[in-house]
Amino acid sequence: MRTSLNNIKAIEDYLSGRLAPGDMLLFEANTLLNKDLINDIQHQQNTYALVRQYSRQKLKDEIIAVQKILATAPQHSGFMKRITNLFKKD
C-alpha cells in the first residue's frame, strides 16, 4: 500500500514539474523500464482532467444559480438594469 502512495506522489511531482532536474531524468528513465509506470501516469493525467472538468462544471452551475437569483429577485432589479445597460449598443 505504501509503495502505491509513493508512486502516486512521484507521478504527481513529475506531472506538476516539482522534481529536481536529476530526479526528473531518473523518473523518465524509470518509465522506459517500467511499462506499468507509464500506464499509471496516463491514469493520473486522466484523473486530473476529470477533476478539472468536474470543477469547471460545478463553478459554471454556481454562476448560473447566482445569475438566476439576480435576474429574478426584485431587490436586484436595479443591478440587473445597470448590467443590461453596459451591453446595450448605442
C-alpha atoms as a PDB file:
ATOM      1  CA  MET A   1       0.000   0.000   0.000  1.00  0.00           C
ATOM      2  CA  ARG A   2       2.726   2.447   0.915  1.00  0.00           C
ATOM      3  CA  THR A   3       4.538   1.786  -2.377  1.00  0.00           C
ATOM      4  CA  SER A   4       1.473   2.786  -4.406  1.00  0.00           C
ATOM      5  CA  LEU A   5       1.121   6.021  -2.410  1.00  0.00           C
ATOM      6  CA  ASN A   6       4.791   6.765  -3.062  1.00  0.00           C
ATOM      7  CA  ASN A   7       4.234   6.116  -6.771  1.00  0.00           C
ATOM      8  CA  ILE A   8       1.239   8.452  -6.841  1.00  0.00           C
ATOM      9  CA  LYS A   9       3.295  11.162  -5.113  1.00  0.00           C
ATOM     10  CA  ALA A  10       6.209  10.678  -7.526  1.00  0.00           C
ATOM     11  CA  ILE A  11       3.887  10.855 -10.536  1.00  0.00           C
ATOM     12  CA  GLU A  12       2.202  13.954  -9.130  1.00  0.00           C
ATOM     13  CA  ASP A  13       5.561  15.642  -8.611  1.00  0.00           C
ATOM     14  CA  TYR A  14       6.612  14.660 -12.128  1.00  0.00           C
ATOM     15  CA  LEU A  15       3.430  15.926 -13.773  1.00  0.00           C
ATOM     16  CA  SER A  16       3.491  19.186 -11.838  1.00  0.00           C
ATOM     17  CA  GLY A  17       7.162  19.833 -12.608  1.00  0.00           C
ATOM     18  CA  ARG A  18       8.214  19.774  -8.957  1.00  0.00           C
ATOM     19  CA  LEU A  19      11.041  17.284  -9.453  1.00  0.00           C
ATOM     20  CA  ALA A  20      14.632  18.460  -9.490  1.00  0.00           C
ATOM     21  CA  PRO A  21      16.276  18.046 -12.928  1.00  0.00           C
ATOM     22  CA  GLY A  22      18.220  14.972 -11.823  1.00  0.00           C
ATOM     23  CA  ASP A  23      15.142  13.372 -10.296  1.00  0.00           C
ATOM     24  CA  MET A  24      13.199  14.182 -13.462  1.00  0.00           C
ATOM     25  CA  LEU A  25      15.752  12.330 -15.579  1.00  0.00           C
ATOM     26  CA  LEU A  26      15.721   9.375 -13.196  1.00  0.00           C
ATOM     27  CA  PHE A  27      11.926   9.270 -13.261  1.00  0.00           C
ATOM     28  CA  GLU A  28      11.848   9.407 -17.069  1.00  0.00           C
ATOM     29  CA  ALA A  29      14.450   6.623 -17.254  1.00  0.00           C
ATOM     30  CA  ASN A  30      12.256   4.581 -14.938  1.00  0.00           C
ATOM     31  CA  THR A  31       9.337   4.993 -17.359  1.00  0.00           C
ATOM     32  CA  LEU A  32      11.457   3.329 -20.050  1.00  0.00           C
ATOM     33  CA  LEU A  33      11.970   0.315 -17.812  1.00  0.00           C
ATOM     34  CA  ASN A  34       8.549   0.124 -16.189  1.00  0.00           C
ATOM     35  CA  LYS A  35       5.548  -0.050 -18.538  1.00  0.00           C
ATOM     36  CA  ASP A  36       3.175  -0.098 -15.547  1.00  0.00           C
ATOM     37  CA  LEU A  37       4.506   3.318 -14.570  1.00  0.00           C
ATOM     38  CA  ILE A  38       3.570   4.690 -17.989  1.00  0.00           C
ATOM     39  CA  ASN A  39       0.024   3.378 -17.506  1.00  0.00           C
ATOM     40  CA  ASP A  40      -0.115   4.864 -14.015  1.00  0.00           C
ATOM     41  CA  ILE A  41       0.990   8.246 -15.380  1.00  0.00           C
ATOM     42  CA  GLN A  42      -1.717   8.142 -18.042  1.00  0.00           C
ATOM     43  CA  HIS A  43      -4.354   7.172 -15.484  1.00  0.00           C
ATOM     44  CA  GLN A  44      -3.302  10.002 -13.190  1.00  0.00           C
ATOM     45  CA  GLN A  45      -3.387  12.505 -16.083  1.00  0.00           C
ATOM     46  CA  ASN A  46      -6.882  11.310 -16.979  1.00  0.00           C
ATOM     47  CA  THR A  47      -7.957  11.650 -13.359  1.00  0.00           C
ATOM     48  CA  TYR A  48      -6.644  15.217 -13.197  1.00  0.00           C
ATOM     49  CA  ALA A  49      -8.505  16.048 -16.407  1.00  0.00           C
ATOM     50  CA  LEU A  50     -11.753  14.669 -14.991  1.00  0.00           C
ATOM     51  CA  VAL A  51     -11.320  16.606 -11.758  1.00  0.00           C
ATOM     52  CA  ARG A  52     -10.703  19.840 -13.702  1.00  0.00           C
ATOM     53  CA  GLN A  53     -13.753  19.213 -15.887  1.00  0.00           C
ATOM     54  CA  TYR A  54     -15.936  18.454 -12.859  1.00  0.00           C
ATOM     55  CA  SER A  55     -14.687  21.579 -11.055  1.00  0.00           C
ATOM     56  CA  ARG A  56     -15.400  23.766 -14.074  1.00  0.00           C
ATOM     57  CA  GLN A  57     -18.906  22.362 -14.366  1.00  0.00           C
ATOM     58  CA  LYS A  58     -19.592  22.936 -10.658  1.00  0.00           C
ATOM     59  CA  LEU A  59     -18.370  26.534 -10.926  1.00  0.00           C
ATOM     60  CA  LYS A  60     -20.497  27.088 -14.029  1.00  0.00           C
ATOM     61  CA  ASP A  61     -23.535  25.697 -12.187  1.00  0.00           C
ATOM     62  CA  GLU A  62     -22.899  28.042  -9.252  1.00  0.00           C
ATOM     63  CA  ILE A  63     -22.575  31.049 -11.567  1.00  0.00           C
ATOM     64  CA  ILE A  64     -25.833  30.143 -13.325  1.00  0.00           C
ATOM     65  CA  ALA A  65     -27.600  29.811  -9.961  1.00  0.00           C
ATOM     66  CA  VAL A  66     -26.385  33.249  -8.856  1.00  0.00           C
ATOM     67  CA  GLN A  67     -27.386  34.745 -12.198  1.00  0.00           C
ATOM     68  CA  LYS A  68     -30.898  33.315 -11.822  1.00  0.00           C
ATOM     69  CA  ILE A  69     -31.195  34.809  -8.340  1.00  0.00           C
ATOM     70  CA  LEU A  70     -30.035  38.211  -9.579  1.00  0.00           C
ATOM     71  CA  ALA A  71     -32.313  38.109 -12.612  1.00  0.00           C
ATOM     72  CA  THR A  72     -35.469  37.173 -10.728  1.00  0.00           C
ATOM     73  CA  ALA A  73     -35.195  38.801  -7.289  1.00  0.00           C
ATOM     74  CA  PRO A  74     -36.942  42.178  -7.135  1.00  0.00           C
ATOM     75  CA  GLN A  75     -34.314  43.657  -4.825  1.00  0.00           C
ATOM     76  CA  HIS A  76     -31.706  43.142  -7.577  1.00  0.00           C
ATOM     77  CA  SER A  77     -33.677  44.669 -10.470  1.00  0.00           C
ATOM     78  CA  GLY A  78     -31.656  47.913 -10.390  1.00  0.00           C
ATOM     79  CA  PHE A  79     -28.408  45.997 -10.557  1.00  0.00           C
ATOM     80  CA  MET A  80     -29.659  43.917 -13.478  1.00  0.00           C
ATOM     81  CA  LYS A  81     -30.732  47.060 -15.338  1.00  0.00           C
ATOM     82  CA  ARG A  82     -27.248  48.560 -14.899  1.00  0.00           C
ATOM     83  CA  ILE A  83     -25.658  45.353 -16.193  1.00  0.00           C
ATOM     84  CA  THR A  84     -28.016  45.270 -19.175  1.00  0.00           C
ATOM     85  CA  ASN A  85     -27.175  48.894 -19.978  1.00  0.00           C
ATOM     86  CA  LEU A  86     -23.494  48.014 -20.125  1.00  0.00           C
ATOM     87  CA  PHE A  87     -24.159  45.744 -23.084  1.00  0.00           C
ATOM     88  CA  LYS A  88     -26.620  47.910 -24.993  1.00  0.00           C
ATOM     89  CA  LYS A  89     -25.475  49.243 -28.315  1.00  0.00           C
ATOM     90  CA  ASP A  90     -25.855  52.978 -28.708  1.00  0.00           C
END
